[in-house]
Protein backbone atom coordinates (compact mmCIF):
# COMPACT_ATOMS: atom_id res chain seq x y z
CA MET A 1 0.00 0.00 0.00
CA THR A 2 1.26 3.49 -0.84
CA HIS A 3 1.79 5.87 2.07
CA ALA A 4 1.68 9.63 1.56
CA ILE A 5 3.99 10.52 4.49
CA MET A 6 5.88 8.57 7.09
CA PHE A 7 6.86 9.86 10.51
CA THR A 8 10.13 8.42 11.72
CA ASP A 9 9.79 9.79 15.25
CA GLU A 10 7.72 12.07 17.48
CA ALA A 11 9.72 15.12 16.42
CA ALA A 12 8.60 14.61 12.81
CA LEU A 13 4.99 14.30 13.94
CA GLU A 14 5.25 17.46 16.04
CA GLU A 15 6.76 19.29 13.07
CA ARG A 16 3.74 18.36 10.94
CA LEU A 17 1.30 19.37 13.68
CA ALA A 18 3.02 22.75 14.08
CA THR A 19 2.95 23.71 10.38
CA PRO A 20 0.27 26.40 9.86
CA SER A 21 -1.89 26.79 6.80
CA PRO A 22 -2.01 30.12 4.94
CA ALA A 23 -5.56 30.60 6.22
CA LEU A 24 -4.42 30.28 9.84
CA VAL A 25 -1.56 32.70 9.25
CA ALA A 26 -3.98 35.23 7.79
CA ASP A 27 -6.48 34.86 10.64
CA LEU A 28 -3.97 35.05 13.49
CA GLY A 29 -2.43 38.07 11.82
CA ARG A 30 -5.68 39.86 12.73
CA LEU A 31 -5.60 39.06 16.45
CA GLU A 32 -5.84 41.91 18.91
CA GLY A 33 -3.93 41.21 22.12
CA ASP A 34 -1.89 38.28 23.37
CA LEU A 35 -2.94 34.61 23.30
CA LEU A 36 -3.31 32.69 26.57
CA VAL A 37 -3.79 28.90 26.41
CA LEU A 38 -5.22 27.50 29.65
CA GLY A 39 -4.58 23.80 30.22
CA ALA A 40 -1.77 23.75 27.66
CA GLY A 41 -0.08 20.65 29.08
CA GLY A 42 -2.66 18.14 27.82
CA LYS A 43 -2.66 15.96 24.71
CA MET A 44 -3.44 18.78 22.28
CA GLY A 45 -2.10 21.83 24.10
CA PRO A 46 1.62 21.78 23.27
CA SER A 47 1.03 21.32 19.53
CA LEU A 48 -1.63 24.05 19.52
CA CYS A 49 0.79 26.47 21.20
CA ARG A 50 3.59 25.73 18.74
CA LEU A 51 1.17 26.03 15.83
CA ALA A 52 -0.06 29.40 17.06
CA ARG A 53 3.46 30.73 17.57
CA ARG A 54 4.54 29.71 14.09
CA ALA A 55 1.44 31.18 12.48
CA LEU A 56 1.91 34.47 14.32
CA ASP A 57 5.57 34.61 13.31
CA ALA A 58 4.66 33.91 9.69
CA ALA A 59 2.15 36.77 9.88
CA GLY A 60 4.84 39.13 11.22
CA ARG A 61 3.10 39.33 14.61
CA GLN A 62 6.09 38.92 16.91
CA ASP A 63 4.35 41.52 19.10
CA VAL A 64 1.81 38.86 20.18
CA THR A 65 2.93 36.65 23.05
CA VAL A 66 1.68 33.08 23.30
CA TYR A 67 1.35 32.03 26.95
CA ALA A 68 0.98 28.34 27.80
CA VAL A 69 -0.50 27.77 31.27
CA SER A 70 -0.27 24.39 33.01
CA ARG A 71 1.16 22.81 36.13
CA TRP A 72 4.02 21.58 33.91
CA SER A 73 4.77 18.51 36.00
CA ASP A 74 6.84 17.45 32.98
CA LYS A 75 9.42 20.24 32.89
CA SER A 76 10.89 19.00 29.62
CA ALA A 77 7.60 19.74 27.85
CA ALA A 78 7.73 23.32 29.13
CA ASP A 79 11.37 23.65 28.09
CA GLU A 80 10.55 22.49 24.57
CA LEU A 81 7.80 25.08 24.26
CA GLU A 82 10.09 27.83 25.54
CA ALA A 83 12.61 26.83 22.88
CA ALA A 84 9.83 27.21 20.30
CA GLY A 85 9.13 30.78 21.40
CA VAL A 86 6.16 30.06 23.67
CA SER A 87 6.11 31.61 27.15
CA THR A 88 5.19 28.93 29.69
CA VAL A 89 3.49 29.75 32.99
CA ALA A 90 3.45 27.21 35.84
CA PHE A 91 0.05 27.49 37.51
CA ASP A 92 -2.36 25.00 39.08
CA LEU A 93 -5.74 25.85 37.60
CA MET A 94 -7.30 23.01 39.60
CA ASP A 95 -6.52 24.77 42.88
CA PRO A 96 -9.72 26.63 43.90
CA ALA A 97 -7.63 29.01 46.01
CA ALA A 98 -5.38 29.97 43.08
CA ASP A 99 -5.73 33.64 42.16
CA LEU A 100 -6.28 34.01 38.43
CA ALA A 101 -5.36 37.67 38.73
CA GLY A 102 -1.74 36.53 38.80
CA LEU A 103 -1.98 35.21 35.24
CA PRO A 104 -1.21 37.48 32.26
CA ASP A 105 -3.80 39.73 30.71
CA ALA A 106 -4.67 38.63 27.19
CA GLY A 107 -7.14 39.49 24.49
CA ASN A 108 -7.54 35.88 23.38
CA ILE A 109 -8.06 32.75 25.49
CA VAL A 110 -8.09 29.10 24.44
CA PHE A 111 -9.66 27.09 27.24
CA MET A 112 -8.47 23.46 27.16
CA VAL A 113 -9.02 22.44 30.79
CA GLY A 114 -11.24 19.43 31.41
CA ALA A 115 -11.90 16.41 33.61
CA LYS A 116 -13.21 13.26 31.94
CA PHE A 117 -11.77 9.96 33.05
CA GLY A 118 -12.77 9.09 36.60
CA SER A 119 -15.75 11.43 36.43
CA ALA A 120 -18.22 8.60 37.09
CA GLY A 121 -16.58 7.96 40.47
CA ALA A 122 -15.91 11.61 41.32
CA PRO A 123 -18.70 13.64 39.72
CA SER A 124 -18.21 16.65 42.00
CA HIS A 125 -14.64 17.02 40.72
CA ALA A 126 -15.86 16.89 37.12
CA TRP A 127 -18.37 19.64 37.82
CA ALA A 128 -15.81 21.77 39.67
CA VAL A 129 -13.38 21.60 36.74
CA ASN A 130 -15.78 21.57 33.81
CA ALA A 131 -18.43 24.01 35.02
CA ALA A 132 -17.25 26.01 38.06
CA MET A 133 -13.78 26.89 36.73
CA PRO A 134 -15.17 28.41 33.51
CA ASP A 135 -17.07 30.96 35.60
CA ARG A 136 -13.82 32.14 37.20
CA VAL A 137 -12.11 32.27 33.82
CA ALA A 138 -14.96 34.16 32.16
CA ARG A 139 -14.95 36.75 34.95
CA ARG A 140 -11.15 37.15 34.93
CA TRP A 141 -10.96 37.72 31.16
CA SER A 142 -14.42 39.17 30.55
CA ASP A 143 -13.19 41.44 27.73
CA ALA A 144 -11.31 38.71 25.86
CA ARG A 145 -12.30 36.40 23.05
CA ILE A 146 -12.59 32.86 24.47
CA ALA A 147 -12.46 29.68 22.43
CA ALA A 148 -13.53 26.91 24.81
CA PHE A 149 -13.10 23.24 24.01
CA SER A 150 -16.28 21.27 24.64
CA THR A 151 -17.29 17.83 23.41
CA GLY A 152 -19.77 16.10 21.16
CA ASN A 153 -20.81 14.16 24.27
CA VAL A 154 -23.31 16.93 24.99
CA TYR A 155 -25.48 15.30 22.29
CA PRO A 156 -27.47 12.09 22.76
CA LEU A 157 -26.76 8.89 20.87
CA VAL A 158 -28.49 9.16 17.49
CA PRO A 159 -29.30 6.78 14.64
CA VAL A 160 -26.25 6.06 12.51
CA SER A 161 -28.29 6.91 9.41
CA SER A 162 -28.95 10.44 10.72
CA GLY A 163 -25.54 11.81 9.78
CA GLY A 164 -25.05 13.15 13.30
CA CYS A 165 -26.31 16.07 15.35
CA THR A 166 -26.02 19.64 14.11
CA GLU A 167 -25.45 22.64 16.38
CA SER A 168 -29.17 23.45 16.25
CA ASP A 169 -30.27 19.99 17.42
CA PRO A 170 -31.36 19.52 21.04
CA VAL A 171 -28.61 18.48 23.44
CA GLY A 172 -29.05 15.36 25.56
CA PRO A 173 -25.93 14.63 27.61
CA VAL A 174 -25.62 11.13 29.06
CA GLY A 175 -23.70 10.83 32.34
CA GLU A 176 -21.97 13.24 34.70
CA TYR A 177 -19.07 14.02 32.37
CA ALA A 178 -21.30 15.05 29.49
CA MET A 179 -23.64 17.01 31.76
CA SER A 180 -20.76 18.91 33.34
CA CYS A 181 -19.41 19.76 29.86
CA LEU A 182 -22.79 21.19 28.93
CA GLY A 183 -22.52 23.13 32.19
CA ARG A 184 -19.24 24.60 30.92
CA GLU A 185 -20.94 25.71 27.72
CA ARG A 186 -23.80 27.27 29.64
CA ILE A 187 -21.44 29.20 31.93
CA PHE A 188 -19.46 30.63 29.02
CA GLY A 189 -22.72 31.34 27.21
CA HIS A 190 -23.98 33.23 30.27
CA ALA A 191 -20.82 35.35 30.22
CA ALA A 192 -21.51 36.22 26.59
CA LEU A 193 -25.10 37.11 27.38
CA THR A 194 -24.54 39.13 30.55
CA ARG A 195 -21.05 40.63 30.23
CA GLY A 196 -20.50 40.72 26.49
CA THR A 197 -17.64 38.24 26.62
CA ARG A 198 -16.99 36.94 23.12
CA VAL A 199 -17.25 33.14 23.25
CA ALA A 200 -16.88 30.19 20.90
CA ASN A 201 -17.85 26.77 22.28
CA ILE A 202 -16.17 24.02 20.25
CA ARG A 203 -17.78 20.57 20.37
CA LEU A 204 -14.91 18.26 19.43
CA ASN A 205 -15.02 14.50 18.80
CA TYR A 206 -12.60 12.78 18.33
CA ALA A 207 -9.13 14.22 17.59
CA VAL A 208 -6.34 11.83 16.58
CA ASP A 209 -2.57 12.41 16.39
CA LEU A 210 -1.15 8.83 16.08
CA ARG A 211 -0.11 8.62 19.76
CA TYR A 212 -3.73 8.49 20.87
CA GLY A 213 -7.26 8.51 19.53
CA VAL A 214 -9.93 6.22 18.12
CA LEU A 215 -7.67 4.99 15.33
CA ALA A 216 -4.80 4.24 17.71
CA ASP A 217 -7.21 2.31 19.95
CA ILE A 218 -8.45 0.16 17.07
CA ALA A 219 -5.06 -0.29 15.40
CA TYR A 220 -3.38 -1.44 18.63
CA ARG A 221 -5.98 -4.15 19.16
CA VAL A 222 -5.84 -5.36 15.58
CA GLN A 223 -2.03 -5.53 15.61
CA ALA A 224 -2.06 -7.36 18.95
CA GLY A 225 -4.75 -9.81 17.82
CA GLU A 226 -7.14 -8.57 20.50
CA PRO A 227 -10.90 -8.30 19.91
CA VAL A 228 -12.31 -5.04 18.57
CA ASP A 229 -15.78 -4.42 19.99
CA VAL A 230 -18.02 -3.10 17.22
CA THR A 231 -21.12 -2.53 19.37
CA THR A 232 -20.46 1.19 19.10
CA GLY A 233 -20.03 0.65 15.41
CA HIS A 234 -19.49 4.19 14.16
CA ALA A 235 -17.54 7.27 15.24
CA ASN A 236 -16.27 10.63 14.05
CA VAL A 237 -12.54 11.37 13.94
CA VAL A 238 -10.45 14.34 12.84
CA TRP A 239 -6.75 15.05 12.44
CA GLN A 240 -5.45 16.95 15.47
CA GLY A 241 -3.64 19.51 13.32
CA TYR A 242 -6.93 20.52 11.73
CA ALA A 243 -8.69 20.58 15.10
CA ASN A 244 -6.07 22.93 16.54
CA GLU A 245 -6.27 25.22 13.51
CA VAL A 246 -10.05 25.46 13.75
CA ALA A 247 -9.88 26.18 17.49
CA LEU A 248 -7.49 29.06 16.89
CA ARG A 249 -9.38 30.44 13.90
CA SER A 250 -12.66 30.25 15.81
CA LEU A 251 -11.44 33.08 18.06
CA LEU A 252 -12.39 35.50 15.30
CA HIS A 253 -15.91 34.02 15.26
CA ALA A 254 -16.42 34.35 19.02
CA THR A 255 -19.48 36.47 19.64
CA ASP A 256 -21.13 38.32 22.49
CA GLY A 257 -24.82 38.11 23.32
CA GLU A 258 -24.95 34.46 22.22
CA ALA A 259 -21.99 32.10 22.18
CA PHE A 260 -20.85 30.82 18.78
CA THR A 261 -21.21 27.02 18.82
CA LEU A 262 -19.31 24.75 16.45
CA ASN A 263 -19.14 21.00 15.90
CA LEU A 264 -15.54 20.08 15.13
CA THR A 265 -14.85 16.70 13.57
CA GLY A 266 -14.27 14.96 10.25
CA PRO A 267 -16.85 14.59 7.47
CA GLU A 268 -17.26 10.80 7.68
CA THR A 269 -19.49 8.62 9.78
CA ALA A 270 -16.63 6.17 10.13
CA SER A 271 -17.38 2.46 10.47
CA VAL A 272 -15.39 0.77 13.26
CA ARG A 273 -15.69 -2.55 11.42
CA ARG A 274 -14.36 -1.06 8.18
CA ILE A 275 -11.48 0.69 9.98
CA ALA A 276 -10.54 -2.58 11.71
CA GLN A 277 -10.55 -4.31 8.34
CA TRP A 278 -8.30 -1.60 6.88
CA PHE A 279 -5.85 -2.11 9.73
CA GLY A 280 -6.05 -5.85 9.14
CA GLU A 281 -4.93 -5.24 5.55
CA GLU A 282 -2.12 -3.00 6.80
CA PHE A 283 -0.85 -5.55 9.32
CA GLY A 284 -1.51 -8.62 7.18
CA LYS A 285 -3.88 -10.25 9.66
CA GLU A 286 -7.59 -10.76 10.00
CA PRO A 287 -9.05 -8.51 12.72
CA VAL A 288 -10.89 -10.18 15.57
CA LEU A 289 -14.32 -8.53 15.84
CA ALA A 290 -16.72 -8.83 18.76
CA GLY A 291 -20.36 -7.85 19.12
CA GLU A 292 -22.85 -6.47 16.63
CA GLU A 293 -23.31 -2.83 15.66
CA ALA A 294 -25.90 -0.92 17.67
CA PRO A 295 -28.26 1.26 15.61
CA THR A 296 -27.12 4.44 17.43
CA ALA A 297 -23.83 6.17 18.15
CA LEU A 298 -22.38 9.48 19.32
CA LEU A 299 -22.15 11.40 16.04
CA SER A 300 -21.81 15.03 15.03
CA ASP A 301 -22.47 16.79 11.74
CA ALA A 302 -19.61 19.27 11.20
CA SER A 303 -20.96 20.79 7.97
CA ARG A 304 -20.89 24.26 9.50
CA CYS A 305 -17.25 23.86 10.44
CA HIS A 306 -16.26 22.66 6.98
CA ALA A 307 -18.16 25.51 5.31
CA LEU A 308 -16.30 28.07 7.43
CA PHE A 309 -12.83 26.53 7.58
CA GLY A 310 -12.64 23.99 4.74
CA TYR A 311 -12.38 20.22 4.93
CA PRO A 312 -9.69 18.56 7.06
CA ASP A 313 -6.39 18.48 5.19
CA VAL A 314 -5.74 14.81 6.08
CA THR A 315 -8.25 12.18 4.98
CA LEU A 316 -9.48 9.28 7.08
CA ARG A 317 -7.77 6.70 4.89
CA THR A 318 -4.47 8.60 5.09
CA LEU A 319 -4.79 8.71 8.87
CA VAL A 320 -5.26 4.93 8.89
CA GLU A 321 -2.11 4.49 6.80
CA TRP A 322 -0.12 6.84 9.04
CA GLN A 323 -1.40 5.09 12.17
CA ALA A 324 -0.48 1.64 10.91
CA ASP A 325 3.02 2.75 9.92
CA TRP A 326 3.44 4.42 13.34
CA LEU A 327 2.75 1.12 15.09
CA ARG A 328 4.87 -0.91 12.68
CA ARG A 329 7.80 1.34 13.57
CA GLY A 330 7.17 0.74 17.29
CA LEU A 331 6.63 4.45 17.97
CA PRO A 332 4.98 5.37 21.29
CA LEU A 333 1.34 5.57 22.24
CA SER A 334 0.05 7.77 25.06
CA GLY A 335 -1.48 4.83 26.93
CA LYS A 336 -4.70 6.85 27.32
CA PRO A 337 -7.56 5.19 25.41
CA THR A 338 -10.42 7.38 24.25
CA LYS A 339 -13.13 5.00 25.53
CA PHE A 340 -15.20 5.99 22.52
CA GLN A 341 -17.08 2.69 22.92
CA VAL A 342 -18.73 3.89 26.18
CA ARG A 343 -22.50 4.18 25.72
CA ASP A 344 -23.73 4.91 29.25
CA GLY A 345 -21.71 8.08 29.85
CA ARG A 346 -19.64 6.51 32.62
CA PHE A 347 -16.01 7.52 32.13
């Protein structure tokens, strides 16, 4: 099988994730004020910060500082961002006594903080992080533009044939995690309504970057000869580089009065069975499949996103090829499964 690109190591992958498109360069060239990324130490944060810095530099906006805020328990990650021109700030956003006034002023905020796994056993923590913290953030930076990561989990499971929920469809979160994420959206939306804070709520599902994601979960099991459960038989996935670009570009669409809401994912209703079969072809082995496809799944229609920002620049089939090659080379996985198969909202 022909492969479009091969990544020989994590540095090559990070280089690809940090390469901005001309559209991103043009949009970030219009930013007013600095950029503050809250929760920058997670799976997507470091690549988003590097991407933003490169786009700003390409736009000649060296006057804009990119701040990356996290606890930075892994100091090497902070050092790498500093070397890339990003200003890191060590700060525990989870500490309710922490004074946000000590963080830099900024005209643009990307909110990436969230609590998911373990939320079924500690729902109060999920609500404190996902719903209470946004109120503090929205008050601290009330005059900023805020792009807040949310999740497609705020929608109910829908028939696979539906094509997924649009932004105008009724929400129906299942479980404490999903409900607390809807709480986050409502808090930021209230800030837009009452204080004129310009807000974009971004409903993402599911980003992939080869070290983690739905495709990594499936590919690992196929390569290892372990069963792939196809009960949740369909999912949405999107290349992380595209997801980060859209999050940054959405800052210019953040509105006051009513929050701008955007589904962010790929265009396909991807079949788990078909993806497992593709990986079987890549690895030269028959995938072991378990269960039968349920008639419903967690699915989003991202037509609005694609109309505004274009289609993802990496196709699903290319992502499968990249993922298979990544595993054949023995390159690392994050060890953090997405649990996209969960149907009862218990994470």
